[in-house]
Amino acid sequence: MAAFSIFNVAGSAMAAQSQRINAVASNMANADSVAGPDGKPYQARQVVFEYAPLARQANASLATANLAGGGLATQMASRSAGLGGVRVSSVELSDAPARQEYRPDHPLADEQGYVTFSNVDPVAEMVDMIAASKSYEANVEVFNTSKSLLRKTLTLGE
């Protein structure tokens, strides 16, 4: 039924935003981490979304047309609208350069006295966290409103 596809759309968006929030949380947790013994610092993760078409449902019905006194049976199919959700297509590493600070007394400083930190920008991550959170909240509202409207629709005949 096409009425239920809105739940799939909102649900897929909530799942995608949840993964985005997890990536931002991981980035924030590693914002001040230094490069390990291998010399490679933590790289910020960025979630990439893509359109996820919903499975099309075919509802077949039999229609009868009265042509010149005789009955003619025809098969008609209706398809749900081309609604779709969203899904995470990949989680990519940021190509922003790592941050280097001059700290010659730090135990992980290189020969020149520089310590390599992650490439996470905490301000940009907080903005991304707020946007992902607001998007998640909006999709929860879509889900709840659709549920309420469907419930009211089911009680119309009472």
N, C-alpha and C. Protein backbone atom coordinates (compact mmCIF):
# COMPACT_ATOMS: atom_id res chain seq x y z
N MET A 1 0.84 -1.18 0.00
CA MET A 1 0.00 0.00 0.00
C MET A 1 0.89 1.24 0.00
N ALA A 2 0.52 2.22 -0.82
CA ALA A 2 1.33 3.42 -0.97
C ALA A 2 1.36 4.26 0.31
N ALA A 3 0.32 4.14 1.14
CA ALA A 3 0.29 4.92 2.37
C ALA A 3 1.41 4.54 3.31
N PHE A 4 1.87 3.32 3.23
CA PHE A 4 2.92 2.87 4.14
C PHE A 4 4.32 3.24 3.66
N SER A 5 4.46 3.67 2.41
CA SER A 5 5.79 3.98 1.89
C SER A 5 6.42 5.19 2.60
N ILE A 6 5.60 6.08 3.13
CA ILE A 6 6.15 7.24 3.85
C ILE A 6 6.92 6.78 5.07
N PHE A 7 6.50 5.67 5.67
CA PHE A 7 7.22 5.14 6.82
C PHE A 7 8.60 4.63 6.40
N ASN A 8 8.67 4.05 5.21
CA ASN A 8 9.97 3.59 4.69
C ASN A 8 10.89 4.77 4.39
N VAL A 9 10.32 5.83 3.83
CA VAL A 9 11.12 7.02 3.50
C VAL A 9 11.66 7.65 4.78
N ALA A 10 10.77 7.89 5.75
CA ALA A 10 11.21 8.51 7.01
C ALA A 10 12.16 7.60 7.77
N GLY A 11 11.87 6.31 7.76
CA GLY A 11 12.74 5.36 8.47
C GLY A 11 14.13 5.29 7.87
N SER A 12 14.21 5.30 6.54
CA SER A 12 15.54 5.25 5.91
C SER A 12 16.32 6.53 6.19
N ALA A 13 15.62 7.66 6.22
CA ALA A 13 16.29 8.92 6.52
C ALA A 13 16.79 8.96 7.96
N MET A 14 15.99 8.41 8.88
CA MET A 14 16.43 8.37 10.29
C MET A 14 17.65 7.46 10.44
N ALA A 15 17.65 6.33 9.75
CA ALA A 15 18.80 5.42 9.83
C ALA A 15 20.05 6.08 9.26
N ALA A 16 19.90 6.79 8.14
CA ALA A 16 21.05 7.46 7.52
C ALA A 16 21.58 8.58 8.42
N GLN A 17 20.69 9.37 8.99
CA GLN A 17 21.13 10.46 9.87
C GLN A 17 21.77 9.92 11.15
N SER A 18 21.30 8.76 11.59
CA SER A 18 21.91 8.13 12.76
C SER A 18 23.36 7.76 12.48
N GLN A 19 23.63 7.24 11.29
CA GLN A 19 25.01 6.92 10.92
C GLN A 19 25.85 8.19 10.78
N ARG A 20 25.24 9.25 10.29
CA ARG A 20 25.95 10.54 10.19
C ARG A 20 26.31 11.05 11.58
N ILE A 21 25.39 10.94 12.52
CA ILE A 21 25.64 11.38 13.90
C ILE A 21 26.75 10.54 14.52
N ASN A 22 26.76 9.24 14.25
CA ASN A 22 27.82 8.37 14.77
C ASN A 22 29.19 8.76 14.22
N ALA A 23 29.24 9.11 12.93
CA ALA A 23 30.51 9.52 12.32
C ALA A 23 31.00 10.83 12.94
N VAL A 24 30.08 11.77 13.16
CA VAL A 24 30.46 13.04 13.77
C VAL A 24 30.94 12.81 15.20
N ALA A 25 30.27 11.93 15.94
CA ALA A 25 30.69 11.64 17.31
C ALA A 25 32.08 11.03 17.34
N SER A 26 32.37 10.16 16.39
CA SER A 26 33.70 9.57 16.29
C SER A 26 34.74 10.63 15.96
N ASN A 27 34.39 11.53 15.06
CA ASN A 27 35.30 12.62 14.70
C ASN A 27 35.59 13.52 15.91
N MET A 28 34.54 13.86 16.64
CA MET A 28 34.72 14.72 17.82
C MET A 28 35.56 14.03 18.89
N ALA A 29 35.36 12.73 19.05
CA ALA A 29 36.14 12.00 20.06
C ALA A 29 37.62 11.96 19.71
N ASN A 30 37.94 12.04 18.42
CA ASN A 30 39.32 11.97 17.98
C ASN A 30 39.88 13.31 17.52
N ALA A 31 39.20 14.39 17.84
CA ALA A 31 39.61 15.71 17.37
C ALA A 31 41.01 16.09 17.84
N ASP A 32 41.37 15.71 19.04
CA ASP A 32 42.68 16.08 19.59
C ASP A 32 43.64 14.90 19.66
N SER A 33 43.33 13.84 18.93
CA SER A 33 44.24 12.69 18.96
C SER A 33 45.48 12.98 18.11
N VAL A 34 46.59 12.42 18.52
CA VAL A 34 47.84 12.62 17.80
C VAL A 34 48.13 11.40 16.95
N ALA A 35 49.04 11.56 16.03
CA ALA A 35 49.43 10.46 15.16
C ALA A 35 50.03 9.34 16.00
N GLY A 36 49.72 8.12 15.61
CA GLY A 36 50.23 6.96 16.33
C GLY A 36 51.66 6.65 15.95
N PRO A 37 52.16 5.50 16.40
CA PRO A 37 53.54 5.11 16.09
C PRO A 37 53.82 4.98 14.60
N ASP A 38 52.75 4.71 13.82
CA ASP A 38 52.93 4.58 12.37
C ASP A 38 53.02 5.94 11.69
N GLY A 39 52.79 7.02 12.44
CA GLY A 39 52.89 8.37 11.88
C GLY A 39 51.62 8.86 11.21
N LYS A 40 50.58 8.03 11.17
CA LYS A 40 49.34 8.41 10.50
C LYS A 40 48.33 8.93 11.53
N PRO A 41 47.86 10.15 11.34
CA PRO A 41 46.86 10.70 12.26
C PRO A 41 45.46 10.21 11.91
N TYR A 42 44.53 10.38 12.83
CA TYR A 42 43.13 10.08 12.58
C TYR A 42 42.63 11.01 11.48
N GLN A 43 41.86 10.46 10.55
CA GLN A 43 41.25 11.26 9.48
C GLN A 43 39.75 11.32 9.72
N ALA A 44 39.19 12.50 9.60
CA ALA A 44 37.75 12.68 9.80
C ALA A 44 36.97 11.84 8.80
N ARG A 45 35.86 11.29 9.28
CA ARG A 45 34.96 10.48 8.44
C ARG A 45 33.80 11.35 7.98
N GLN A 46 33.44 11.18 6.71
CA GLN A 46 32.31 11.91 6.15
C GLN A 46 31.36 10.90 5.52
N VAL A 47 30.09 10.96 5.91
CA VAL A 47 29.08 10.03 5.40
C VAL A 47 28.51 10.59 4.10
N VAL A 48 28.42 9.73 3.09
CA VAL A 48 27.89 10.11 1.79
C VAL A 48 26.57 9.37 1.59
N PHE A 49 25.52 10.12 1.24
CA PHE A 49 24.20 9.54 1.03
C PHE A 49 23.91 9.37 -0.45
N GLU A 50 22.96 8.47 -0.73
CA GLU A 50 22.46 8.33 -2.10
C GLU A 50 20.98 8.01 -2.05
N TYR A 51 20.31 8.24 -3.16
CA TYR A 51 18.89 7.95 -3.31
C TYR A 51 18.69 6.45 -3.27
N ALA A 52 17.69 6.02 -2.52
CA ALA A 52 17.37 4.59 -2.43
C ALA A 52 15.92 4.40 -2.85
N PRO A 53 15.70 3.99 -4.10
CA PRO A 53 14.31 3.81 -4.54
C PRO A 53 13.64 2.69 -3.75
N LEU A 54 12.38 2.91 -3.42
CA LEU A 54 11.61 1.88 -2.73
C LEU A 54 11.17 0.84 -3.74
N ALA A 55 10.99 -0.37 -3.28
CA ALA A 55 10.52 -1.44 -4.17
C ALA A 55 9.13 -1.07 -4.67
N ARG A 56 8.95 -1.18 -5.95
CA ARG A 56 7.64 -0.85 -6.53
C ARG A 56 6.68 -1.99 -6.27
N GLN A 57 5.45 -1.63 -5.95
CA GLN A 57 4.42 -2.62 -5.70
C GLN A 57 3.40 -2.53 -6.81
N ALA A 58 3.05 -3.67 -7.37
CA ALA A 58 2.04 -3.71 -8.41
C ALA A 58 0.74 -4.22 -7.82
N ASN A 59 -0.32 -3.47 -8.01
CA ASN A 59 -1.65 -3.90 -7.58
C ASN A 59 -2.44 -4.22 -8.82
N ALA A 60 -2.70 -5.47 -9.03
CA ALA A 60 -3.43 -5.88 -10.22
C ALA A 60 -4.92 -5.94 -9.90
N SER A 61 -5.70 -5.45 -10.81
CA SER A 61 -7.15 -5.55 -10.65
C SER A 61 -7.75 -5.95 -11.99
N LEU A 62 -8.86 -6.61 -11.91
CA LEU A 62 -9.53 -7.09 -13.11
C LEU A 62 -10.69 -6.15 -13.41
N ALA A 63 -10.71 -5.58 -14.58
CA ALA A 63 -11.79 -4.68 -14.97
C ALA A 63 -12.55 -5.30 -16.12
N THR A 64 -13.85 -5.10 -16.14
CA THR A 64 -14.67 -5.64 -17.21
C THR A 64 -15.34 -4.49 -17.94
N ALA A 65 -15.17 -4.47 -19.24
CA ALA A 65 -15.80 -3.44 -20.06
C ALA A 65 -16.90 -4.10 -20.88
N ASN A 66 -18.03 -3.45 -21.02
CA ASN A 66 -19.14 -3.99 -21.78
C ASN A 66 -19.10 -3.38 -23.17
N LEU A 67 -18.63 -4.17 -24.13
CA LEU A 67 -18.50 -3.70 -25.50
C LEU A 67 -19.53 -4.44 -26.36
N ALA A 68 -20.52 -3.73 -26.87
CA ALA A 68 -21.54 -4.26 -27.78
C ALA A 68 -22.20 -5.51 -27.20
N GLY A 69 -22.57 -5.45 -25.94
CA GLY A 69 -23.30 -6.55 -25.33
C GLY A 69 -22.42 -7.67 -24.82
N GLY A 70 -21.16 -7.72 -25.17
CA GLY A 70 -20.30 -8.79 -24.70
C GLY A 70 -19.33 -8.26 -23.66
N GLY A 71 -18.91 -9.10 -22.78
CA GLY A 71 -17.97 -8.68 -21.75
C GLY A 71 -16.53 -8.87 -22.21
N LEU A 72 -15.68 -7.97 -21.87
CA LEU A 72 -14.26 -8.07 -22.20
C LEU A 72 -13.46 -7.85 -20.92
N ALA A 73 -12.70 -8.86 -20.56
CA ALA A 73 -11.90 -8.75 -19.34
C ALA A 73 -10.54 -8.17 -19.70
N THR A 74 -10.12 -7.17 -18.97
CA THR A 74 -8.80 -6.58 -19.19
C THR A 74 -8.04 -6.55 -17.87
N GLN A 75 -6.77 -6.68 -17.95
CA GLN A 75 -5.91 -6.64 -16.76
C GLN A 75 -5.32 -5.24 -16.66
N MET A 76 -5.48 -4.62 -15.51
CA MET A 76 -4.91 -3.29 -15.29
C MET A 76 -4.00 -3.36 -14.07
N ALA A 77 -2.89 -2.69 -14.16
CA ALA A 77 -1.96 -2.67 -13.02
C ALA A 77 -1.68 -1.22 -12.65
N SER A 78 -1.64 -0.97 -11.40
CA SER A 78 -1.26 0.36 -10.95
C SER A 78 0.00 0.24 -10.12
N ARG A 79 0.86 1.19 -10.25
CA ARG A 79 2.13 1.16 -9.52
C ARG A 79 2.16 2.32 -8.54
N SER A 80 2.88 2.09 -7.47
CA SER A 80 3.03 3.16 -6.49
C SER A 80 3.90 4.25 -7.08
N ALA A 81 3.75 5.43 -6.56
CA ALA A 81 4.55 6.56 -7.04
C ALA A 81 6.03 6.27 -6.83
N GLY A 82 6.89 6.92 -7.57
CA GLY A 82 8.33 6.68 -7.50
C GLY A 82 8.97 7.27 -6.26
N LEU A 83 8.42 6.98 -5.10
CA LEU A 83 9.00 7.47 -3.86
C LEU A 83 10.29 6.73 -3.57
N GLY A 84 11.15 7.37 -2.85
CA GLY A 84 12.39 6.71 -2.47
C GLY A 84 12.90 7.28 -1.17
N GLY A 85 13.77 6.54 -0.58
CA GLY A 85 14.39 6.97 0.67
C GLY A 85 15.83 7.37 0.42
N VAL A 86 16.61 7.21 1.44
CA VAL A 86 18.02 7.55 1.37
C VAL A 86 18.80 6.46 2.08
N ARG A 87 20.00 6.23 1.64
CA ARG A 87 20.86 5.26 2.30
C ARG A 87 22.29 5.78 2.25
N VAL A 88 23.11 5.23 3.12
CA VAL A 88 24.52 5.60 3.15
C VAL A 88 25.22 4.82 2.05
N SER A 89 25.80 5.54 1.10
CA SER A 89 26.52 4.86 0.02
C SER A 89 27.95 4.56 0.42
N SER A 90 28.54 5.44 1.23
CA SER A 90 29.91 5.19 1.68
C SER A 90 30.26 6.12 2.84
N VAL A 91 31.30 5.75 3.53
CA VAL A 91 31.88 6.61 4.56
C VAL A 91 33.30 6.89 4.08
N GLU A 92 33.56 8.14 3.74
CA GLU A 92 34.84 8.51 3.16
C GLU A 92 35.72 9.24 4.17
N LEU A 93 37.00 9.12 3.97
CA LEU A 93 37.97 9.83 4.81
C LEU A 93 38.20 11.22 4.24
N SER A 94 38.23 12.20 5.11
CA SER A 94 38.46 13.57 4.68
C SER A 94 39.88 13.71 4.12
N ASP A 95 40.00 14.50 3.06
CA ASP A 95 41.33 14.72 2.48
C ASP A 95 41.96 16.02 2.98
N ALA A 96 41.37 16.62 4.00
CA ALA A 96 41.95 17.83 4.59
C ALA A 96 43.30 17.49 5.21
N PRO A 97 44.24 18.41 5.15
CA PRO A 97 45.56 18.11 5.72
C PRO A 97 45.50 17.99 7.25
N ALA A 98 46.38 17.18 7.79
CA ALA A 98 46.47 17.02 9.24
C ALA A 98 47.03 18.30 9.86
N ARG A 99 46.64 18.55 11.08
CA ARG A 99 47.09 19.74 11.80
C ARG A 99 48.43 19.43 12.48
N GLN A 100 49.39 20.31 12.33
CA GLN A 100 50.68 20.13 12.99
C GLN A 100 50.93 21.30 13.94
N GLU A 101 51.39 20.95 15.13
CA GLU A 101 51.71 21.97 16.13
C GLU A 101 53.14 21.76 16.60
N TYR A 102 53.80 22.87 16.84
CA TYR A 102 55.17 22.82 17.34
C TYR A 102 55.15 22.61 18.85
N ARG A 103 55.54 21.43 19.27
CA ARG A 103 55.61 21.06 20.69
C ARG A 103 56.83 20.16 20.89
N PRO A 104 57.99 20.75 20.97
CA PRO A 104 59.22 19.94 21.05
C PRO A 104 59.30 19.06 22.30
N ASP A 105 58.57 19.41 23.35
CA ASP A 105 58.63 18.61 24.58
C ASP A 105 57.65 17.44 24.58
N HIS A 106 56.80 17.33 23.58
CA HIS A 106 55.80 16.25 23.50
C HIS A 106 56.51 14.93 23.16
N PRO A 107 56.13 13.82 23.80
CA PRO A 107 56.81 12.55 23.54
C PRO A 107 56.64 12.02 22.11
N LEU A 108 55.60 12.46 21.40
CA LEU A 108 55.39 11.99 20.03
C LEU A 108 55.81 13.02 18.99
N ALA A 109 56.58 14.02 19.38
CA ALA A 109 57.05 15.03 18.43
C ALA A 109 58.08 14.41 17.49
N ASP A 110 58.08 14.91 16.25
CA ASP A 110 59.06 14.41 15.28
C ASP A 110 60.41 15.10 15.51
N GLU A 111 61.36 14.88 14.60
CA GLU A 111 62.71 15.42 14.76
C GLU A 111 62.74 16.95 14.81
N GLN A 112 61.79 17.58 14.10
CA GLN A 112 61.73 19.04 14.09
C GLN A 112 60.91 19.60 15.26
N GLY A 113 60.30 18.74 16.08
CA GLY A 113 59.53 19.18 17.23
C GLY A 113 58.04 19.34 16.96
N TYR A 114 57.57 18.88 15.81
CA TYR A 114 56.15 19.02 15.47
C TYR A 114 55.38 17.75 15.83
N VAL A 115 54.17 17.95 16.34
CA VAL A 115 53.25 16.85 16.65
C VAL A 115 52.12 16.91 15.63
N THR A 116 51.80 15.77 15.03
CA THR A 116 50.74 15.71 14.03
C THR A 116 49.43 15.30 14.71
N PHE A 117 48.41 16.14 14.53
CA PHE A 117 47.07 15.90 15.08
C PHE A 117 46.12 15.53 13.95
N SER A 118 44.92 15.13 14.32
CA SER A 118 43.91 14.77 13.33
C SER A 118 43.51 15.99 12.51
N ASN A 119 42.82 15.73 11.41
CA ASN A 119 42.35 16.82 10.55
C ASN A 119 40.91 17.22 10.87
N VAL A 120 40.43 16.88 12.05
CA VAL A 120 39.06 17.19 12.45
C VAL A 120 38.94 18.66 12.82
N ASP A 121 37.95 19.32 12.25
CA ASP A 121 37.63 20.71 12.59
C ASP A 121 36.43 20.67 13.55
N PRO A 122 36.66 20.87 14.85
CA PRO A 122 35.57 20.73 15.83
C PRO A 122 34.37 21.64 15.57
N VAL A 123 34.60 22.85 15.08
CA VAL A 123 33.49 23.77 14.82
C VAL A 123 32.63 23.23 13.68
N ALA A 124 33.26 22.80 12.59
CA ALA A 124 32.52 22.23 11.47
C ALA A 124 31.78 20.96 11.89
N GLU A 125 32.40 20.17 12.75
CA GLU A 125 31.75 18.94 13.22
C GLU A 125 30.53 19.25 14.07
N MET A 126 30.60 20.29 14.90
CA MET A 126 29.44 20.66 15.71
C MET A 126 28.30 21.16 14.83
N VAL A 127 28.63 21.91 13.79
CA VAL A 127 27.60 22.36 12.85
C VAL A 127 26.97 21.16 12.17
N ASP A 128 27.79 20.19 11.76
CA ASP A 128 27.29 18.98 11.12
C ASP A 128 26.43 18.17 12.09
N MET A 129 26.82 18.12 13.36
CA MET A 129 26.05 17.39 14.37
C MET A 129 24.68 18.03 14.57
N ILE A 130 24.63 19.35 14.61
CA ILE A 130 23.36 20.05 14.77
C ILE A 130 22.47 19.80 13.56
N ALA A 131 23.04 19.89 12.36
CA ALA A 131 22.26 19.66 11.14
C ALA A 131 21.72 18.23 11.09
N ALA A 132 22.55 17.26 11.43
CA ALA A 132 22.12 15.86 11.42
C ALA A 132 21.04 15.62 12.46
N SER A 133 21.20 16.22 13.62
CA SER A 133 20.22 16.07 14.68
C SER A 133 18.87 16.68 14.29
N LYS A 134 18.91 17.86 13.68
CA LYS A 134 17.67 18.51 13.24
C LYS A 134 17.00 17.70 12.13
N SER A 135 17.78 17.15 11.23
CA SER A 135 17.23 16.32 10.17
C SER A 135 16.59 15.06 10.74
N TYR A 136 17.24 14.46 11.72
CA TYR A 136 16.69 13.28 12.37
C TYR A 136 15.36 13.63 13.04
N GLU A 137 15.33 14.75 13.77
CA GLU A 137 14.11 15.19 14.44
C GLU A 137 12.98 15.45 13.44
N ALA A 138 13.31 16.06 12.31
CA ALA A 138 12.29 16.33 11.28
C ALA A 138 11.70 15.03 10.75
N ASN A 139 12.54 14.03 10.55
CA ASN A 139 12.04 12.75 10.06
C ASN A 139 11.23 12.00 11.11
N VAL A 140 11.56 12.18 12.38
CA VAL A 140 10.73 11.61 13.45
C VAL A 140 9.35 12.26 13.40
N GLU A 141 9.30 13.57 13.18
CA GLU A 141 8.02 14.27 13.08
C GLU A 141 7.21 13.78 11.88
N VAL A 142 7.87 13.57 10.74
CA VAL A 142 7.19 13.03 9.56
C VAL A 142 6.60 11.66 9.89
N PHE A 143 7.37 10.83 10.53
CA PHE A 143 6.93 9.49 10.91
C PHE A 143 5.72 9.57 11.85
N ASN A 144 5.82 10.38 12.89
CA ASN A 144 4.73 10.49 13.87
C ASN A 144 3.48 11.12 13.27
N THR A 145 3.64 12.14 12.44
CA THR A 145 2.49 12.76 11.79
C THR A 145 1.80 11.78 10.86
N SER A 146 2.57 11.03 10.09
CA SER A 146 2.00 10.03 9.19
C SER A 146 1.25 8.96 9.97
N LYS A 147 1.82 8.55 11.08
CA LYS A 147 1.17 7.55 11.93
C LYS A 147 -0.15 8.09 12.46
N SER A 148 -0.16 9.33 12.91
CA SER A 148 -1.37 9.95 13.43
C SER A 148 -2.44 10.08 12.35
N LEU A 149 -2.04 10.51 11.15
CA LEU A 149 -3.00 10.65 10.05
C LEU A 149 -3.56 9.30 9.63
N LEU A 150 -2.73 8.29 9.59
CA LEU A 150 -3.20 6.96 9.22
C LEU A 150 -4.17 6.43 10.27
N ARG A 151 -3.87 6.68 11.52
CA ARG A 151 -4.76 6.26 12.61
C ARG A 151 -6.12 6.95 12.49
N LYS A 152 -6.11 8.25 12.17
CA LYS A 152 -7.37 8.99 11.99
C LYS A 152 -8.13 8.48 10.77
N THR A 153 -7.41 8.15 9.71
CA THR A 153 -8.04 7.62 8.51
C THR A 153 -8.75 6.31 8.80
N LEU A 154 -8.15 5.48 9.61
CA LEU A 154 -8.75 4.18 9.93
C LEU A 154 -10.01 4.32 10.78
N THR A 155 -10.15 5.43 11.48
CA THR A 155 -11.33 5.62 12.33
C THR A 155 -12.40 6.49 11.67
N LEU A 156 -12.26 6.82 10.39
CA LEU A 156 -13.25 7.67 9.72
C LEU A 156 -14.63 7.03 9.67
N GLY A 157 -14.73 5.75 9.49
CA GLY A 157 -16.02 5.07 9.34
C GLY A 157 -16.72 4.79 10.65
N GLU A 158 -16.14 5.15 11.76
CA GLU A 158 -16.76 4.84 13.06
C GLU A 158 -17.76 5.86 13.48
